[in-house]
Amino acid sequence: MKIAHVLRRLSFDDWGGTEQVVWNIAKAQRAAGHDVRIFATTALCAVPREVVDGLEILRFKPIYPWWPMPKRLVAELDLKGGNPFVPGLGAALRDWRPDVIHCHSMARIAELCLRTAKRIGAKCAVSLHGGGANVPEPEARSLKSPTRRRIPWGKAVDILMGWTRRVPEDFDGIVCVGEDEAEKYEARHPKVLFLPNGVDTSLFATSQTPQTPQTSQTSQTSQTSQTSQTSQTSQTSQTPQTSQTSQTSQTLLCVARIDRQKNQMMLVEALSRNPAFSARLVGPVTQPDYLDELLRRAAELGVSNRLEVVGALKPGSPELVAEYLKADAFVLTSRHEPFGIVVLEAWAAGLPVVASDVGGLGRLCAAHPGAALTIPVGDGAALDAALARLVGDASLRESMSSAGREAAKRYDWRSLAATLDAFYSTLRTR
């Protein structure tokens, strides 16, 4: 079976949950014998074509339909959305003629996938990775703020093209990362699959050496990686360092985009009330102004010496795995979260987890109560109480570590990919 995965961006130097799902599912499908390609835009990675771990990735330049569009705004929308037109993407899909087009984006990219599938007689599925279905209104407004007071010329093009935007209902099948989304769309669509995120537990076995994606491509790929690493190093050098923290300090790890959705501010403020802890924030910066807020608040509270912003680390890299293995506990205080791949990674590494009881993240933790402590969204007192339990009870930490490792084993990427392939077979052919 020929399977095309389409998403807004795929950069190994700026990584998020959607990219991780697509990458690991695609690798598992290829290992099962399918012909798989990944189609994306050049947002955050200008390499138009590369082959990584045997998977071909094709990228196309996005056009953001706003005026004026300075370079600064293009860079900001590359990080966080922008609903672009993607010239060349439809033609590339038509030329390859996949049996299944699996879209991992919404709006114009989803519409393009729908129309292309209809034209070539392919099945089409869409994955909901949390996105707009769970974003609170205040946060949704903040995401739209970069294009406020700019002319949205793309709307005129949409009208001329007759795009209906009945997404995701017009797709042959809907794949939901979160159970809440699955329940929502089961009432609207006959083909809905709840497919949780997964983890490669072998990466976190201390007796094994983690493997990073191997690129079989050109010096252009190398140049792109070097540029990203240089930028990341520059950013990290400006952030607080914690190499001199007390030997008795417990290290809290948060692996997530530096983004208001992830609510790292709650963790920063908790440091001021919990001097026994330091924190490390790992993940790409998708909202630079939020990073500035975090650093200012850390300075105000006098905890800069116990906070380190590590930056983005490549998926599956020894550096990322090492962050998990040297931490004492994992904390994810998101405002909304459809699932939480990073929690699976933390469990695979044997870390006790403290997480917001929200959406699919809360359901995941509830399914494995011995592996996580959950707190109400934004409840600082509850976070303090959870941290106090961890630091004061060694037997609790040990039991949570064991329960987490067992829980992680249930989410194997190969098993999830087989479930998805079976779902494809139930979809009608256009």
Protein backbone atom coordinates (compact mmCIF):
# COMPACT_ATOMS: atom_id res chain seq x y z
CA MET A 1 0.00 0.00 0.00
CA LYS A 2 1.23 3.50 -0.88
CA ILE A 3 0.67 5.88 2.02
CA ALA A 4 1.23 9.65 1.94
CA HIS A 5 1.45 11.43 5.28
CA VAL A 6 0.89 15.18 4.92
CA LEU A 7 1.65 17.65 7.70
CA ARG A 8 2.41 21.33 8.04
CA ARG A 9 6.08 20.98 8.94
CA LEU A 10 8.72 18.38 9.74
CA SER A 11 12.02 19.55 11.13
CA PHE A 12 14.25 17.30 13.20
CA ASP A 13 15.66 20.36 14.96
CA ASP A 14 12.29 21.79 16.04
CA TRP A 15 10.12 18.91 17.13
CA GLY A 16 6.56 18.60 18.41
CA GLY A 17 4.02 15.92 19.20
CA THR A 18 2.46 15.85 15.74
CA GLU A 19 5.81 15.42 14.05
CA GLN A 20 6.75 12.64 16.45
CA VAL A 21 3.52 10.74 15.76
CA VAL A 22 3.86 11.02 12.00
CA TRP A 23 7.52 10.06 12.00
CA ASN A 24 7.14 6.98 14.18
CA ILE A 25 3.95 5.75 12.50
CA ALA A 26 5.54 6.19 9.07
CA LYS A 27 8.63 4.25 10.14
CA ALA A 28 6.51 1.42 11.53
CA GLN A 29 4.40 1.29 8.36
CA ARG A 30 7.52 1.16 6.21
CA ALA A 31 8.89 -1.66 8.38
CA ALA A 32 5.62 -3.51 7.76
CA GLY A 33 6.25 -3.38 4.00
CA HIS A 34 4.28 -0.32 2.89
CA ASP A 35 5.57 2.35 0.51
CA VAL A 36 5.46 5.51 2.64
CA ARG A 37 6.35 9.13 1.91
CA ILE A 38 6.04 12.26 4.02
CA PHE A 39 4.92 15.58 2.51
CA ALA A 40 5.38 18.85 4.41
CA THR A 41 6.22 22.52 3.97
CA THR A 42 9.65 24.11 4.25
CA ALA A 43 8.67 25.82 7.52
CA LEU A 44 11.70 25.50 9.84
CA CYS A 45 13.51 23.24 7.36
CA ALA A 46 14.36 24.47 3.87
CA VAL A 47 15.55 21.09 2.55
CA PRO A 48 13.15 20.30 -0.34
CA ARG A 49 13.91 16.58 -0.39
CA GLU A 50 15.75 14.22 1.90
CA VAL A 51 15.77 10.56 2.81
CA VAL A 52 16.01 9.82 6.53
CA ASP A 53 16.03 6.27 7.87
CA GLY A 54 14.83 5.12 4.45
CA LEU A 55 11.81 7.46 4.42
CA GLU A 56 11.54 10.08 1.70
CA ILE A 57 10.48 13.54 2.87
CA LEU A 58 9.31 16.14 0.33
CA ARG A 59 8.84 19.79 1.34
CA PHE A 60 7.14 22.70 -0.42
CA LYS A 61 7.35 26.42 0.23
CA PRO A 62 4.28 27.77 2.06
CA ILE A 63 2.63 31.05 1.17
CA TYR A 64 0.96 32.85 4.06
CA PRO A 65 -2.06 34.75 2.71
CA TRP A 66 -1.74 38.03 4.60
CA TRP A 67 -0.49 41.48 3.66
CA PRO A 68 1.92 42.92 4.54
CA MET A 69 4.08 39.88 5.25
CA PRO A 70 7.55 40.89 6.60
CA LYS A 71 10.21 38.23 7.11
CA ARG A 72 9.77 38.45 10.88
CA LEU A 73 6.11 37.45 10.55
CA VAL A 74 6.96 34.59 8.17
CA ALA A 75 9.35 33.21 10.77
CA GLU A 76 6.70 33.51 13.47
CA LEU A 77 4.06 31.73 11.39
CA ASP A 78 6.53 28.99 10.47
CA LEU A 79 6.60 28.19 14.17
CA LYS A 80 2.93 28.31 14.95
CA GLY A 81 0.64 27.99 11.91
CA GLY A 82 -0.53 30.69 9.56
CA ASN A 83 -2.89 28.50 7.46
CA PRO A 84 -0.77 28.69 4.29
CA PHE A 85 -1.35 27.85 0.67
CA VAL A 86 1.21 25.24 -0.43
CA PRO A 87 1.87 25.40 -4.19
CA GLY A 88 3.24 22.17 -5.66
CA LEU A 89 1.97 19.91 -2.90
CA GLY A 90 -1.18 18.83 -4.73
CA ALA A 91 0.72 18.14 -7.94
CA ALA A 92 3.31 16.03 -6.11
CA LEU A 93 0.56 13.94 -4.52
CA ARG A 94 -1.17 13.48 -7.86
CA ASP A 95 2.06 12.42 -9.54
CA TRP A 96 2.82 9.81 -6.87
CA ARG A 97 -0.81 8.57 -6.68
CA PRO A 98 -0.89 7.08 -3.18
CA ASP A 99 -3.60 4.65 -2.12
CA VAL A 100 -4.11 6.62 1.10
CA ILE A 101 -3.60 10.31 1.81
CA HIS A 102 -3.36 10.79 5.57
CA CYS A 103 -3.52 14.47 6.51
CA HIS A 104 -2.18 15.73 9.84
CA SER A 105 -3.13 19.36 9.38
CA MET A 106 -6.32 21.38 9.08
CA ALA A 107 -7.78 24.24 7.03
CA ARG A 108 -6.20 24.81 3.58
CA ILE A 109 -3.79 21.86 3.69
CA ALA A 110 -6.66 19.56 4.67
CA GLU A 111 -8.82 20.93 1.86
CA LEU A 112 -6.01 20.32 -0.60
CA CYS A 113 -5.66 16.72 0.61
CA LEU A 114 -9.41 16.15 0.27
CA ARG A 115 -9.56 17.46 -3.29
CA THR A 116 -6.45 15.59 -4.37
CA ALA A 117 -7.75 12.30 -2.94
CA LYS A 118 -11.02 12.72 -4.79
CA ARG A 119 -9.22 13.49 -8.04
CA ILE A 120 -6.93 10.43 -7.95
CA GLY A 121 -9.36 7.99 -6.32
CA ALA A 122 -7.42 7.63 -3.06
CA LYS A 123 -8.74 7.05 0.41
CA CYS A 124 -8.28 10.03 2.72
CA ALA A 125 -7.99 10.19 6.48
CA VAL A 126 -7.29 13.08 8.83
CA SER A 127 -5.69 12.97 12.26
CA LEU A 128 -6.76 15.38 14.98
CA HIS A 129 -3.76 16.05 17.19
CA GLY A 130 -5.51 18.25 19.71
CA GLY A 131 -5.41 21.43 17.63
CA GLY A 132 -8.37 23.74 17.42
CA ALA A 133 -10.81 21.31 19.01
CA ASN A 134 -9.31 21.83 22.45
CA VAL A 135 -7.76 25.32 22.37
CA PRO A 136 -9.34 27.70 24.92
CA GLU A 137 -10.64 30.93 23.42
CA PRO A 138 -8.07 33.25 25.09
CA GLU A 139 -5.22 31.13 23.72
CA ALA A 140 -6.86 30.94 20.29
CA ARG A 141 -6.92 34.74 20.21
CA SER A 142 -3.23 34.89 21.13
CA LEU A 143 -2.40 32.55 18.22
CA LYS A 144 -4.20 34.87 15.81
CA SER A 145 -2.55 38.01 17.14
CA PRO A 146 0.43 38.00 14.70
CA THR A 147 -1.92 38.50 11.72
CA ARG A 148 -4.23 40.99 13.39
CA ARG A 149 -4.71 44.22 11.41
CA ARG A 150 -3.31 42.60 8.26
CA ILE A 151 -5.24 42.09 5.03
CA PRO A 152 -6.36 38.41 4.67
CA TRP A 153 -6.21 38.18 0.90
CA GLY A 154 -6.39 34.39 1.12
CA LYS A 155 -10.11 34.53 1.87
CA ALA A 156 -10.80 35.86 -1.62
CA VAL A 157 -8.85 32.96 -3.11
CA ASP A 158 -10.82 30.50 -0.98
CA ILE A 159 -14.09 31.87 -2.34
CA LEU A 160 -12.87 31.73 -5.93
CA MET A 161 -11.75 28.12 -5.47
CA GLY A 162 -15.01 27.12 -3.80
CA TRP A 163 -13.33 25.57 -0.76
CA THR A 164 -15.97 24.37 1.69
CA ARG A 165 -13.76 23.78 4.74
CA ARG A 166 -15.98 20.99 6.08
CA VAL A 167 -13.00 19.58 7.89
CA PRO A 168 -12.78 16.97 9.29
CA GLU A 169 -16.27 15.70 8.44
CA ASP A 170 -15.62 15.35 4.69
CA PHE A 171 -12.72 12.94 5.16
CA ASP A 172 -13.31 9.21 4.72
CA GLY A 173 -11.97 8.57 8.21
CA ILE A 174 -11.06 10.58 11.31
CA VAL A 175 -8.21 9.51 13.59
CA CYS A 176 -8.23 11.07 17.06
CA VAL A 177 -5.28 11.23 19.43
CA GLY A 178 -7.57 12.17 22.32
CA GLU A 179 -10.55 10.16 23.58
CA ASP A 180 -12.57 13.34 24.10
CA GLU A 181 -12.19 14.23 20.43
CA ALA A 182 -13.06 10.68 19.39
CA GLU A 183 -16.27 10.84 21.41
CA LYS A 184 -17.11 14.21 19.90
CA TYR A 185 -16.77 13.05 16.29
CA GLU A 186 -18.29 9.59 16.69
CA ALA A 187 -21.66 11.34 16.73
CA ARG A 188 -20.85 13.11 13.45
CA HIS A 189 -18.98 10.55 11.36
CA PRO A 190 -19.26 6.76 10.77
CA LYS A 191 -15.49 6.13 10.66
CA VAL A 192 -13.66 7.38 13.74
CA LEU A 193 -10.58 5.75 15.29
CA PHE A 194 -9.14 6.56 18.69
CA LEU A 195 -5.41 5.96 18.25
CA PRO A 196 -3.25 6.98 21.21
CA ASN A 197 0.29 8.12 20.80
CA GLY A 198 3.13 5.67 21.26
CA VAL A 199 6.67 5.25 22.47
CA ASP A 200 9.78 3.26 21.63
CA THR A 201 10.63 1.84 25.04
CA SER A 202 13.92 0.41 23.78
CA LEU A 203 15.36 3.93 23.58
CA PHE A 204 15.13 4.31 27.34
CA ALA A 205 16.78 1.05 28.33
CA THR A 206 20.02 2.21 29.92
CA SER A 207 21.86 -0.82 28.55
CA GLN A 208 21.20 0.30 24.97
CA THR A 209 22.52 3.19 22.93
CA PRO A 210 19.73 5.41 21.54
CA GLN A 211 19.67 5.81 17.79
CA THR A 212 19.18 9.16 16.09
CA PRO A 213 17.66 9.47 12.60
CA GLN A 214 20.33 8.85 9.98
CA THR A 215 20.23 11.08 6.93
CA SER A 216 21.25 9.66 3.57
CA GLN A 217 21.09 13.06 1.93
CA THR A 218 23.33 15.89 0.99
CA SER A 219 25.40 18.65 2.50
CA GLN A 220 22.27 20.82 2.26
CA THR A 221 20.79 18.80 5.13
CA SER A 222 23.97 19.20 7.13
CA GLN A 223 23.98 22.95 6.58
CA THR A 224 20.38 23.20 7.76
CA SER A 225 21.14 21.24 10.93
CA GLN A 226 24.22 23.34 11.64
CA THR A 227 22.23 26.55 11.25
CA SER A 228 19.55 25.31 13.65
CA GLN A 229 22.10 24.11 16.17
CA THR A 230 23.92 27.45 16.04
CA SER A 231 20.67 29.28 16.68
CA GLN A 232 19.79 26.92 19.51
CA THR A 233 23.21 27.32 21.11
CA SER A 234 22.88 31.08 20.96
CA GLN A 235 19.47 30.94 22.57
CA THR A 236 20.57 28.55 25.30
CA SER A 237 23.59 30.64 26.19
CA GLN A 238 21.27 33.51 27.08
CA THR A 239 19.17 31.45 29.45
CA PRO A 240 19.73 30.62 33.12
CA GLN A 241 22.14 27.78 33.84
CA THR A 242 21.82 25.28 36.66
CA SER A 243 25.06 23.34 36.58
CA GLN A 244 25.89 24.52 40.11
CA THR A 245 22.65 23.44 41.80
CA SER A 246 22.79 21.67 45.14
CA GLN A 247 23.58 17.99 45.17
CA THR A 248 20.44 17.44 47.23
CA SER A 249 18.21 19.20 44.66
CA GLN A 250 15.61 17.09 42.89
CA THR A 251 15.53 17.75 39.14
CA LEU A 252 12.14 18.25 37.54
CA LEU A 253 12.01 17.73 33.80
CA CYS A 254 9.47 19.20 31.39
CA VAL A 255 9.74 18.22 27.72
CA ALA A 256 7.37 20.42 25.72
CA ARG A 257 7.28 23.36 23.36
CA ILE A 258 7.95 26.69 25.07
CA ASP A 259 4.36 27.71 24.54
CA ARG A 260 1.49 29.05 26.64
CA GLN A 261 -0.43 25.82 26.07
CA LYS A 262 2.26 23.93 27.99
CA ASN A 263 2.07 26.39 30.91
CA GLN A 264 5.72 26.18 32.02
CA MET A 265 5.07 29.36 34.01
CA MET A 266 3.36 27.22 36.63
CA LEU A 267 6.54 25.20 37.07
CA VAL A 268 8.72 28.32 37.26
CA GLU A 269 6.53 29.77 40.01
CA ALA A 270 6.53 26.44 41.88
CA LEU A 271 10.34 26.65 42.16
CA SER A 272 10.00 29.70 44.40
CA ARG A 273 7.83 27.72 46.83
CA ASN A 274 9.82 24.47 46.62
CA PRO A 275 13.54 25.13 47.17
CA ALA A 276 14.34 21.40 47.07
CA PHE A 277 13.74 21.35 43.29
CA SER A 278 15.39 22.62 40.13
CA ALA A 279 13.81 22.44 36.68
CA ARG A 280 14.95 21.80 33.12
CA LEU A 281 12.77 22.86 30.20
CA VAL A 282 13.44 20.92 27.00
CA GLY A 283 11.69 21.80 23.75
CA PRO A 284 11.59 24.21 20.81
CA VAL A 285 10.48 27.79 21.37
CA THR A 286 7.24 28.33 19.46
CA GLN A 287 6.28 31.52 21.30
CA PRO A 288 9.43 33.63 21.87
CA ASP A 289 7.52 36.25 23.86
CA TYR A 290 6.43 33.54 26.29
CA LEU A 291 10.05 32.49 26.81
CA ASP A 292 10.83 36.11 27.66
CA GLU A 293 8.01 36.07 30.21
CA LEU A 294 9.34 32.88 31.79
CA LEU A 295 12.85 34.26 32.15
CA ARG A 296 11.65 37.57 33.56
CA ARG A 297 9.44 35.81 36.09
CA ALA A 298 12.28 33.49 37.12
CA ALA A 299 14.48 36.53 37.77
CA GLU A 300 11.73 38.25 39.77
CA LEU A 301 11.26 35.16 41.94
CA GLY A 302 14.99 34.60 42.41
CA VAL A 303 14.97 31.10 40.91
CA SER A 304 17.03 31.70 37.78
CA ASN A 305 19.87 29.64 39.24
CA ARG A 306 17.50 26.63 39.49
CA LEU A 307 16.01 26.92 36.00
CA GLU A 308 17.58 25.92 32.71
CA VAL A 309 16.02 26.26 29.27
CA VAL A 310 17.78 23.55 27.30
CA GLY A 311 16.17 24.18 23.91
CA ALA A 312 15.07 21.71 21.25
CA LEU A 313 16.68 18.26 21.19
CA LYS A 314 16.33 15.81 18.33
CA PRO A 315 13.79 13.02 18.77
CA GLY A 316 15.33 9.78 19.95
CA SER A 317 18.72 11.44 20.35
CA PRO A 318 21.12 10.41 23.12
CA GLU A 319 20.87 13.97 24.43
CA LEU A 320 17.09 13.81 24.79
CA VAL A 321 17.12 10.34 26.33
CA ALA A 322 19.82 11.50 28.74
CA GLU A 323 17.55 14.32 29.94
CA TYR A 324 14.95 11.76 30.97
CA LEU A 325 17.43 9.36 32.53
CA LYS A 326 19.11 11.98 34.74
CA ALA A 327 15.88 13.62 35.98
CA ASP A 328 14.13 12.73 39.23
CA ALA A 329 10.55 13.43 38.16
CA PHE A 330 8.59 14.64 35.13
CA VAL A 331 6.08 17.50 35.25
CA LEU A 332 3.61 18.53 32.52
CA THR A 333 1.22 21.31 33.59
CA SER A 334 -0.48 21.90 30.22
CA ARG A 335 -3.65 23.95 29.97
CA HIS A 336 -5.00 21.49 27.41
CA GLU A 337 -3.50 18.29 26.02
CA PRO A 338 -5.01 15.61 23.77
CA PHE A 339 -2.64 12.90 24.98
CA GLY A 340 0.99 13.54 25.93
CA ILE A 341 3.69 11.48 24.20
CA VAL A 342 6.25 12.89 26.59
CA VAL A 343 4.48 11.21 29.49
CA LEU A 344 4.97 7.86 27.77
CA GLU A 345 8.65 8.69 27.35
CA ALA A 346 8.93 9.65 31.00
CA TRP A 347 7.30 6.38 32.03
CA ALA A 348 9.61 4.41 29.75
CA ALA A 349 12.51 6.11 31.52
CA GLY A 350 11.08 5.17 34.91
CA LEU A 351 10.19 8.71 36.02
CA PRO A 352 7.34 9.52 38.41
CA VAL A 353 4.94 11.87 36.58
CA VAL A 354 2.96 14.88 37.78
CA ALA A 355 0.50 16.11 35.15
CA SER A 356 -2.56 18.27 34.61
CA ASP A 357 -5.84 16.37 34.83
CA VAL A 358 -7.09 17.64 31.49
CA GLY A 359 -8.29 16.08 28.22
CA GLY A 360 -6.55 13.00 26.92
CA LEU A 361 -3.60 13.62 29.23
CA GLY A 362 -5.81 13.23 32.28
CA ARG A 363 -7.39 10.10 30.84
CA LEU A 364 -4.01 8.58 30.10
CA CYS A 365 -2.87 9.13 33.67
CA ALA A 366 -6.18 7.86 35.05
CA ALA A 367 -5.72 4.64 33.09
CA HIS A 368 -2.41 4.09 34.93
CA PRO A 369 -3.03 5.69 38.34
CA GLY A 370 -0.01 4.10 39.98
CA ALA A 371 2.32 5.86 37.53
CA ALA A 372 1.18 9.49 37.84
CA LEU A 373 -0.11 12.13 40.22
CA THR A 374 -2.64 14.44 38.57
CA ILE A 375 -3.53 17.99 39.54
CA PRO A 376 -6.29 20.41 38.46
CA VAL A 377 -5.25 22.77 35.65
CA GLY A 378 -3.43 25.79 37.04
CA ASP A 379 -3.65 24.68 40.68
CA GLY A 380 -0.33 25.70 42.23
CA ALA A 381 -1.21 24.37 45.68
CA ALA A 382 -1.97 20.95 44.23
CA LEU A 383 1.36 20.98 42.38
CA ASP A 384 3.17 21.83 45.61
CA ALA A 385 1.40 18.98 47.41
CA ALA A 386 2.33 16.50 44.66
CA LEU A 387 5.98 17.56 44.76
CA ALA A 388 6.02 17.27 48.55
CA ARG A 389 4.71 13.70 48.29
CA LEU A 390 7.44 12.78 45.83
CA VAL A 391 10.33 14.30 47.73
CA GLY A 392 9.18 12.85 51.04
CA ASP A 393 8.34 9.29 50.03
CA ALA A 394 11.04 7.14 48.43
CA SER A 395 8.78 4.09 48.28
CA LEU A 396 6.18 6.09 46.35
CA ARG A 397 8.79 7.18 43.84
CA GLU A 398 9.93 3.59 43.38
CA SER A 399 6.42 2.22 42.92
CA MET A 400 5.54 4.97 40.42
CA SER A 401 8.72 4.27 38.49
CA SER A 402 7.88 0.56 38.21
CA ALA A 403 4.25 1.25 37.28
CA GLY A 404 5.34 3.74 34.63
CA ARG A 405 7.67 1.30 32.92
CA GLU A 406 4.88 -1.28 32.77
CA ALA A 407 2.40 1.27 31.42
CA ALA A 408 4.77 2.37 28.63
CA LYS A 409 4.99 -1.19 27.29
CA ARG A 410 1.32 -1.01 26.24
CA TYR A 411 2.00 1.76 23.70
CA ASP A 412 4.23 0.23 21.07
CA TRP A 413 4.47 2.10 17.74
CA ARG A 414 4.36 -1.10 15.68
CA SER A 415 1.12 -2.20 17.27
CA LEU A 416 -0.43 1.24 16.78
CA ALA A 417 0.64 1.31 13.12
CA ALA A 418 -1.01 -2.08 12.52
CA THR A 419 -4.23 -0.75 14.05
CA LEU A 420 -4.09 2.25 11.74
CA ASP A 421 -3.47 0.09 8.66
CA ALA A 422 -6.53 -1.99 9.54
CA PHE A 423 -8.55 1.22 9.83
CA TYR A 424 -7.45 2.28 6.34
CA SER A 425 -8.83 -0.98 4.96
CA THR A 426 -12.32 -0.12 6.24
CA LEU A 427 -12.45 3.21 4.43
CA ARG A 428 -14.33 3.49 1.18
CA THR A 429 -12.43 4.08 -2.06
CA ARG A 430 -13.29 7.39 -3.69
